[in-house]
C-alpha cells in the first residue's frame, strides 16, 4: 500500500474551503429564523383581525417586515397604532 505524505493538493483544499463557505452562508442566510413573505402576511392578517382599530397599511408593512426579519421573535409594542420590532 502506498502511503501519501506531505501537503494536501491545492484543488482539494480549495474545494473544501468553497464547500465550507457555502455551508456557513446557508446557515446564516438561509436559516435565519425569519418567516417567508406568505407566513409573515398570514401572521399579520390574524393580528389585524384581532386589533383592527390599531392597524393600518403602515402597520401591516412594518409587521410583515418584522416577521420576515426575526420570525417568532418579532415583538409587538402595546401602542395604537401597533408597532412591531425585532428584539435587540
C-alpha atoms as a PDB file:
ATOM      1  CA  UNK A   1       0.000   0.000   0.000  1.00  0.00           C
ATOM      2  CA  UNK A   2       1.378   3.411  -0.938  1.00  0.00           C
ATOM      3  CA  UNK A   3       1.461   5.975   1.803  1.00  0.00           C
ATOM      4  CA  UNK A   4       0.572   9.530   0.856  1.00  0.00           C
ATOM      5  CA  UNK A   5       2.684  12.077   2.586  1.00  0.00           C
ATOM      6  CA  UNK A   6       3.060  15.792   2.509  1.00  0.00           C
ATOM      7  CA  UNK A   7       0.522  18.531   1.938  1.00  0.00           C
ATOM      8  CA  UNK A   8      -2.957  18.135   0.549  1.00  0.00           C
ATOM      9  CA  UNK A   9      -3.113  19.191  -3.122  1.00  0.00           C
ATOM     10  CA  UNK A  10      -4.373  22.757  -3.685  1.00  0.00           C
ATOM     11  CA  UNK A  11      -7.518  21.770  -5.687  1.00  0.00           C
ATOM     12  CA  UNK A  12      -8.777  19.658  -2.780  1.00  0.00           C
ATOM     13  CA  UNK A  13      -8.124  22.413  -0.234  1.00  0.00           C
ATOM     14  CA  UNK A  14      -9.887  24.960  -2.455  1.00  0.00           C
ATOM     15  CA  UNK A  15     -12.864  22.650  -2.960  1.00  0.00           C
ATOM     16  CA  UNK A  16     -13.181  22.055   0.793  1.00  0.00           C
ATOM     17  CA  UNK A  17     -12.891  25.762   1.533  1.00  0.00           C
ATOM     18  CA  UNK A  18     -15.583  26.651  -1.008  1.00  0.00           C
ATOM     19  CA  UNK A  19     -17.860  23.988   0.454  1.00  0.00           C
ATOM     20  CA  UNK A  20     -17.305  25.334   3.976  1.00  0.00           C
ATOM     21  CA  UNK A  21     -18.010  28.928   2.897  1.00  0.00           C
ATOM     22  CA  UNK A  22     -21.205  27.875   1.107  1.00  0.00           C
ATOM     23  CA  UNK A  23     -22.365  25.811   4.060  1.00  0.00           C
ATOM     24  CA  UNK A  24     -21.790  28.680   6.503  1.00  0.00           C
ATOM     25  CA  UNK A  25     -23.603  31.111   4.209  1.00  0.00           C
ATOM     26  CA  UNK A  26     -26.578  28.756   4.079  1.00  0.00           C
ATOM     27  CA  UNK A  27     -26.687  28.537   7.871  1.00  0.00           C
ATOM     28  CA  UNK A  28     -26.513  32.282   8.341  1.00  0.00           C
ATOM     29  CA  UNK A  29     -28.592  33.474   5.401  1.00  0.00           C
ATOM     30  CA  UNK A  30     -30.895  30.606   4.585  1.00  0.00           C
ATOM     31  CA  UNK A  31     -31.909  29.558   8.063  1.00  0.00           C
ATOM     32  CA  UNK A  32     -32.071  32.877   9.844  1.00  0.00           C
ATOM     33  CA  UNK A  33     -35.329  32.249  11.654  1.00  0.00           C
ATOM     34  CA  UNK A  34     -37.363  34.795   9.724  1.00  0.00           C
ATOM     35  CA  UNK A  35     -40.635  33.868   8.056  1.00  0.00           C
ATOM     36  CA  UNK A  36     -41.148  33.947   4.324  1.00  0.00           C
ATOM     37  CA  UNK A  37     -43.485  36.654   2.996  1.00  0.00           C
ATOM     38  CA  UNK A  38     -46.525  34.376   2.927  1.00  0.00           C
ATOM     39  CA  UNK A  39     -46.063  33.218   6.531  1.00  0.00           C
ATOM     40  CA  UNK A  40     -45.425  36.768   7.733  1.00  0.00           C
ATOM     41  CA  UNK A  41     -48.518  38.043   5.917  1.00  0.00           C
ATOM     42  CA  UNK A  42     -50.671  35.297   7.466  1.00  0.00           C
ATOM     43  CA  UNK A  43     -49.480  36.164  10.974  1.00  0.00           C
ATOM     44  CA  UNK A  44     -50.088  39.866  10.401  1.00  0.00           C
ATOM     45  CA  UNK A  45     -53.533  39.276   8.897  1.00  0.00           C
ATOM     46  CA  UNK A  46     -54.517  37.368  12.041  1.00  0.00           C
ATOM     47  CA  UNK A  47     -53.155  40.159  14.219  1.00  0.00           C
ATOM     48  CA  UNK A  48     -55.120  42.711  12.199  1.00  0.00           C
ATOM     49  CA  UNK A  49     -58.366  40.753  12.682  1.00  0.00           C
ATOM     50  CA  UNK A  50     -57.915  40.849  16.436  1.00  0.00           C
ATOM     51  CA  UNK A  51     -56.884  44.505  16.673  1.00  0.00           C
ATOM     52  CA  UNK A  52     -58.229  46.177  13.547  1.00  0.00           C
ATOM     53  CA  UNK A  53     -58.715  49.572  15.199  1.00  0.00           C
ATOM     54  CA  UNK A  54     -54.946  49.864  15.688  1.00  0.00           C
ATOM     55  CA  UNK A  55     -53.951  48.521  12.261  1.00  0.00           C
ATOM     56  CA  UNK A  56     -53.348  50.473   9.061  1.00  0.00           C
ATOM     57  CA  UNK A  57     -51.285  49.968   5.897  1.00  0.00           C
ATOM     58  CA  UNK A  58     -48.083  51.234   7.550  1.00  0.00           C
ATOM     59  CA  UNK A  59     -48.535  48.869  10.487  1.00  0.00           C
ATOM     60  CA  UNK A  60     -49.118  45.952   8.115  1.00  0.00           C
ATOM     61  CA  UNK A  61     -45.901  46.779   6.224  1.00  0.00           C
ATOM     62  CA  UNK A  62     -43.959  47.062   9.484  1.00  0.00           C
ATOM     63  CA  UNK A  63     -45.490  43.833  10.809  1.00  0.00           C
ATOM     64  CA  UNK A  64     -44.606  41.820   7.711  1.00  0.00           C
ATOM     65  CA  UNK A  65     -41.047  43.187   7.620  1.00  0.00           C
ATOM     66  CA  UNK A  66     -40.554  42.356  11.290  1.00  0.00           C
ATOM     67  CA  UNK A  67     -41.731  38.751  10.930  1.00  0.00           C
ATOM     68  CA  UNK A  68     -39.634  38.331   7.783  1.00  0.00           C
ATOM     69  CA  UNK A  69     -36.562  39.569   9.639  1.00  0.00           C
ATOM     70  CA  UNK A  70     -36.869  37.858  13.029  1.00  0.00           C
ATOM     71  CA  UNK A  71     -39.722  35.346  12.783  1.00  0.00           C
ATOM     72  CA  UNK A  72     -41.425  34.385  16.018  1.00  0.00           C
ATOM     73  CA  UNK A  73     -39.084  36.707  17.931  1.00  0.00           C
ATOM     74  CA  UNK A  74     -40.851  39.723  16.418  1.00  0.00           C
ATOM     75  CA  UNK A  75     -42.265  41.820  19.258  1.00  0.00           C
ATOM     76  CA  UNK A  76     -45.426  43.922  19.281  1.00  0.00           C
ATOM     77  CA  UNK A  77     -45.454  47.159  21.255  1.00  0.00           C
ATOM     78  CA  UNK A  78     -48.682  47.877  23.115  1.00  0.00           C
ATOM     79  CA  UNK A  79     -49.407  51.093  21.263  1.00  0.00           C
ATOM     80  CA  UNK A  80     -52.134  52.226  18.924  1.00  0.00           C
ATOM     81  CA  UNK A  81     -51.321  52.184  16.072  1.00  0.00           C
ATOM     82  CA  UNK A  82     -49.390  48.992  16.737  1.00  0.00           C
ATOM     83  CA  UNK A  83     -45.625  48.861  16.309  1.00  0.00           C
ATOM     84  CA  UNK A  84     -43.506  45.813  15.579  1.00  0.00           C
ATOM     85  CA  UNK A  85     -39.775  45.401  16.153  1.00  0.00           C
ATOM     86  CA  UNK A  86     -37.101  42.730  16.438  1.00  0.00           C
ATOM     87  CA  UNK A  87     -35.607  42.387  19.904  1.00  0.00           C
ATOM     88  CA  UNK A  88     -32.118  43.810  20.473  1.00  0.00           C
END
